Amino acid sequence: MSVRYGRKDCEHIWRFRKDGWEEGCGPAVCVECGAFGCLHDFNRDDIPKDVFFGEGQNGDANINGRWVNPYIKNSY
């Protein structure tokens, strides 16, 4: 899958995207810039999978207080 949205110069830190769907894969969101990706983008050597799934985020979350994904409408 290709990385969508976010910053191209970001060294993405991936977490599971709880409100997402990727065809044939698991959805992921970068907690640094808000990019969308999938498990194929996630480097399994970076963090354990229990952290990846345990710290899951929604795609419209302002995770680090520095970004709001303009492509996703907040449901709250």
N, C-alpha and C. Protein backbone atom coordinates (compact mmCIF):
# COMPACT_ATOMS: atom_id res chain seq x y z
N MET A 1 0.84 -1.18 0.00
CA MET A 1 0.00 0.00 0.00
C MET A 1 0.88 1.25 0.00
N SER A 2 0.35 2.28 -0.53
CA SER A 2 1.10 3.53 -0.53
C SER A 2 0.67 4.38 0.67
N VAL A 3 1.59 5.19 1.14
CA VAL A 3 1.32 6.10 2.24
C VAL A 3 0.53 7.28 1.68
N ARG A 4 -0.54 7.65 2.36
CA ARG A 4 -1.39 8.75 1.92
C ARG A 4 -1.41 9.85 2.96
N TYR A 5 -1.56 11.08 2.50
CA TYR A 5 -1.65 12.26 3.35
C TYR A 5 -0.34 12.44 4.11
N GLY A 6 -0.34 13.15 5.20
CA GLY A 6 0.86 13.33 6.01
C GLY A 6 1.97 14.08 5.28
N ARG A 7 3.17 14.05 5.85
CA ARG A 7 4.34 14.73 5.29
C ARG A 7 5.25 13.71 4.63
N LYS A 8 5.76 14.05 3.48
CA LYS A 8 6.66 13.15 2.75
C LYS A 8 8.02 13.02 3.44
N ASP A 9 8.46 14.05 4.19
CA ASP A 9 9.76 14.01 4.84
C ASP A 9 9.71 13.43 6.26
N CYS A 10 8.56 12.92 6.67
CA CYS A 10 8.40 12.37 8.01
C CYS A 10 8.98 10.95 8.08
N GLU A 11 9.66 10.65 9.18
CA GLU A 11 10.06 9.27 9.46
C GLU A 11 8.93 8.67 10.29
N HIS A 12 7.96 8.10 9.61
CA HIS A 12 6.69 7.70 10.20
C HIS A 12 6.85 6.77 11.39
N ILE A 13 6.04 7.03 12.41
CA ILE A 13 5.91 6.17 13.57
C ILE A 13 4.49 5.62 13.52
N TRP A 14 4.36 4.37 13.12
CA TRP A 14 3.06 3.78 12.83
C TRP A 14 2.40 3.18 14.05
N ARG A 15 1.07 3.37 14.11
CA ARG A 15 0.21 2.69 15.08
C ARG A 15 -1.02 2.21 14.33
N PHE A 16 -1.68 1.22 14.89
CA PHE A 16 -2.89 0.67 14.30
C PHE A 16 -3.97 1.76 14.21
N ARG A 17 -4.64 1.84 13.07
CA ARG A 17 -5.73 2.81 12.88
C ARG A 17 -7.04 2.09 13.14
N LYS A 18 -7.64 2.36 14.31
CA LYS A 18 -8.82 1.62 14.77
C LYS A 18 -10.06 1.85 13.92
N ASP A 19 -10.15 2.99 13.27
CA ASP A 19 -11.35 3.29 12.48
C ASP A 19 -11.10 3.17 10.98
N GLY A 20 -10.05 2.46 10.60
CA GLY A 20 -9.69 2.39 9.19
C GLY A 20 -9.94 1.03 8.56
N TRP A 21 -9.75 0.99 7.27
CA TRP A 21 -9.87 -0.24 6.50
C TRP A 21 -8.91 -0.16 5.32
N GLU A 22 -8.12 -1.18 5.12
CA GLU A 22 -7.22 -1.28 3.97
C GLU A 22 -7.49 -2.62 3.32
N GLU A 23 -7.68 -2.63 2.03
CA GLU A 23 -7.99 -3.87 1.33
C GLU A 23 -6.83 -4.85 1.44
N GLY A 24 -7.09 -6.00 2.02
CA GLY A 24 -6.09 -7.05 2.12
C GLY A 24 -5.00 -6.79 3.13
N CYS A 25 -5.17 -5.81 4.02
CA CYS A 25 -4.12 -5.51 5.00
C CYS A 25 -4.74 -4.80 6.20
N GLY A 26 -3.91 -4.55 7.21
CA GLY A 26 -4.35 -3.83 8.39
C GLY A 26 -4.04 -2.35 8.27
N PRO A 27 -4.95 -1.47 8.67
CA PRO A 27 -4.74 -0.04 8.55
C PRO A 27 -3.79 0.50 9.61
N ALA A 28 -3.05 1.55 9.25
CA ALA A 28 -2.10 2.18 10.17
C ALA A 28 -2.18 3.70 10.00
N VAL A 29 -1.80 4.43 11.05
CA VAL A 29 -1.74 5.89 11.02
C VAL A 29 -0.41 6.31 11.66
N CYS A 30 0.23 7.31 11.09
CA CYS A 30 1.48 7.84 11.66
C CYS A 30 1.14 8.80 12.79
N VAL A 31 1.72 8.60 13.97
CA VAL A 31 1.44 9.46 15.11
C VAL A 31 2.24 10.76 15.06
N GLU A 32 3.13 10.89 14.10
CA GLU A 32 3.90 12.13 13.94
C GLU A 32 3.23 13.11 13.00
N CYS A 33 2.69 12.63 11.86
CA CYS A 33 2.16 13.56 10.86
C CYS A 33 0.76 13.23 10.39
N GLY A 34 0.18 12.11 10.81
CA GLY A 34 -1.18 11.77 10.43
C GLY A 34 -1.33 11.01 9.14
N ALA A 35 -0.23 10.57 8.54
CA ALA A 35 -0.30 9.82 7.28
C ALA A 35 -1.04 8.50 7.50
N PHE A 36 -1.73 8.05 6.45
CA PHE A 36 -2.39 6.75 6.47
C PHE A 36 -1.52 5.76 5.72
N GLY A 37 -1.44 4.55 6.22
CA GLY A 37 -0.70 3.48 5.57
C GLY A 37 -1.30 2.15 5.97
N CYS A 38 -0.49 1.10 5.90
CA CYS A 38 -0.97 -0.22 6.30
C CYS A 38 0.19 -0.99 6.95
N LEU A 39 -0.08 -2.23 7.30
CA LEU A 39 0.94 -3.04 7.97
C LEU A 39 2.19 -3.23 7.13
N HIS A 40 2.08 -3.13 5.80
CA HIS A 40 3.25 -3.25 4.95
C HIS A 40 4.22 -2.08 5.13
N ASP A 41 3.71 -0.92 5.58
CA ASP A 41 4.56 0.25 5.81
C ASP A 41 5.22 0.20 7.19
N PHE A 42 4.64 -0.55 8.10
CA PHE A 42 5.11 -0.65 9.47
C PHE A 42 6.33 -1.55 9.55
N ASN A 43 7.44 -1.03 10.08
CA ASN A 43 8.66 -1.82 10.27
C ASN A 43 8.54 -2.58 11.58
N ARG A 44 8.37 -3.86 11.50
CA ARG A 44 8.14 -4.67 12.69
C ARG A 44 9.33 -4.70 13.65
N ASP A 45 10.49 -4.25 13.20
CA ASP A 45 11.65 -4.19 14.08
C ASP A 45 11.67 -2.94 14.94
N ASP A 46 10.87 -1.93 14.58
CA ASP A 46 10.84 -0.67 15.33
C ASP A 46 10.22 -0.82 16.71
N ILE A 47 9.04 -1.41 16.76
CA ILE A 47 8.34 -1.60 18.03
C ILE A 47 7.66 -2.97 18.02
N PRO A 48 7.39 -3.52 19.20
CA PRO A 48 6.68 -4.80 19.26
C PRO A 48 5.24 -4.64 18.76
N LYS A 49 4.67 -5.72 18.23
CA LYS A 49 3.32 -5.63 17.69
C LYS A 49 2.28 -5.34 18.77
N ASP A 50 2.53 -5.74 20.03
CA ASP A 50 1.56 -5.42 21.08
C ASP A 50 1.49 -3.92 21.34
N VAL A 51 2.60 -3.20 21.14
CA VAL A 51 2.59 -1.73 21.25
C VAL A 51 1.86 -1.13 20.05
N PHE A 52 2.15 -1.66 18.85
CA PHE A 52 1.50 -1.17 17.63
C PHE A 52 -0.02 -1.25 17.76
N PHE A 53 -0.54 -2.39 18.19
CA PHE A 53 -1.98 -2.56 18.32
C PHE A 53 -2.52 -1.94 19.60
N GLY A 54 -1.76 -2.01 20.69
CA GLY A 54 -2.21 -1.49 21.98
C GLY A 54 -2.34 0.02 22.02
N GLU A 55 -1.54 0.72 21.24
CA GLU A 55 -1.59 2.18 21.20
C GLU A 55 -2.33 2.67 19.95
N GLY A 56 -3.32 1.89 19.50
CA GLY A 56 -4.08 2.24 18.30
C GLY A 56 -4.74 3.60 18.42
N GLN A 57 -4.91 4.26 17.29
CA GLN A 57 -5.49 5.60 17.23
C GLN A 57 -6.57 5.65 16.15
N ASN A 58 -7.47 6.59 16.27
CA ASN A 58 -8.43 6.86 15.20
C ASN A 58 -7.77 7.75 14.17
N GLY A 59 -8.24 7.68 12.95
CA GLY A 59 -7.66 8.46 11.86
C GLY A 59 -7.88 9.95 11.99
N ASP A 60 -8.88 10.37 12.78
CA ASP A 60 -9.16 11.80 12.92
C ASP A 60 -8.62 12.37 14.23
N ALA A 61 -7.79 11.63 14.94
CA ALA A 61 -7.26 12.07 16.22
C ALA A 61 -6.15 13.11 16.03
N ASN A 62 -6.07 14.06 16.93
CA ASN A 62 -4.95 14.99 16.97
C ASN A 62 -3.97 14.41 17.99
N ILE A 63 -3.29 13.37 17.59
CA ILE A 63 -2.54 12.51 18.49
C ILE A 63 -1.48 13.27 19.28
N ASN A 64 -0.69 14.08 18.62
CA ASN A 64 0.41 14.75 19.30
C ASN A 64 0.18 16.25 19.46
N GLY A 65 -1.02 16.73 19.17
CA GLY A 65 -1.33 18.14 19.35
C GLY A 65 -0.79 19.04 18.25
N ARG A 66 -0.19 18.45 17.21
CA ARG A 66 0.43 19.26 16.16
C ARG A 66 -0.22 19.10 14.81
N TRP A 67 -1.19 18.22 14.67
CA TRP A 67 -1.81 18.03 13.36
C TRP A 67 -3.26 17.63 13.50
N VAL A 68 -4.02 17.98 12.51
CA VAL A 68 -5.37 17.49 12.32
C VAL A 68 -5.46 17.10 10.86
N ASN A 69 -5.83 15.88 10.58
CA ASN A 69 -5.88 15.41 9.20
C ASN A 69 -7.03 16.11 8.48
N PRO A 70 -6.74 16.97 7.50
CA PRO A 70 -7.80 17.74 6.83
C PRO A 70 -8.69 16.89 5.94
N TYR A 71 -8.30 15.66 5.66
CA TYR A 71 -9.09 14.80 4.79
C TYR A 71 -10.14 14.01 5.53
N ILE A 72 -10.11 14.05 6.85
CA ILE A 72 -11.02 13.28 7.68
C ILE A 72 -11.89 14.23 8.49
N LYS A 73 -13.19 14.05 8.42
CA LYS A 73 -14.12 14.89 9.18
C LYS A 73 -14.30 14.28 10.56
N ASN A 74 -14.14 15.10 11.60
CA ASN A 74 -14.35 14.62 12.96
C ASN A 74 -15.80 14.22 13.15
N SER A 75 -16.01 13.12 13.82
CA SER A 75 -17.36 12.64 14.07
C SER A 75 -17.88 13.13 15.42
N TYR A 76 -17.08 13.90 16.12
CA TYR A 76 -17.52 14.41 17.43
C TYR A 76 -17.50 15.91 17.46
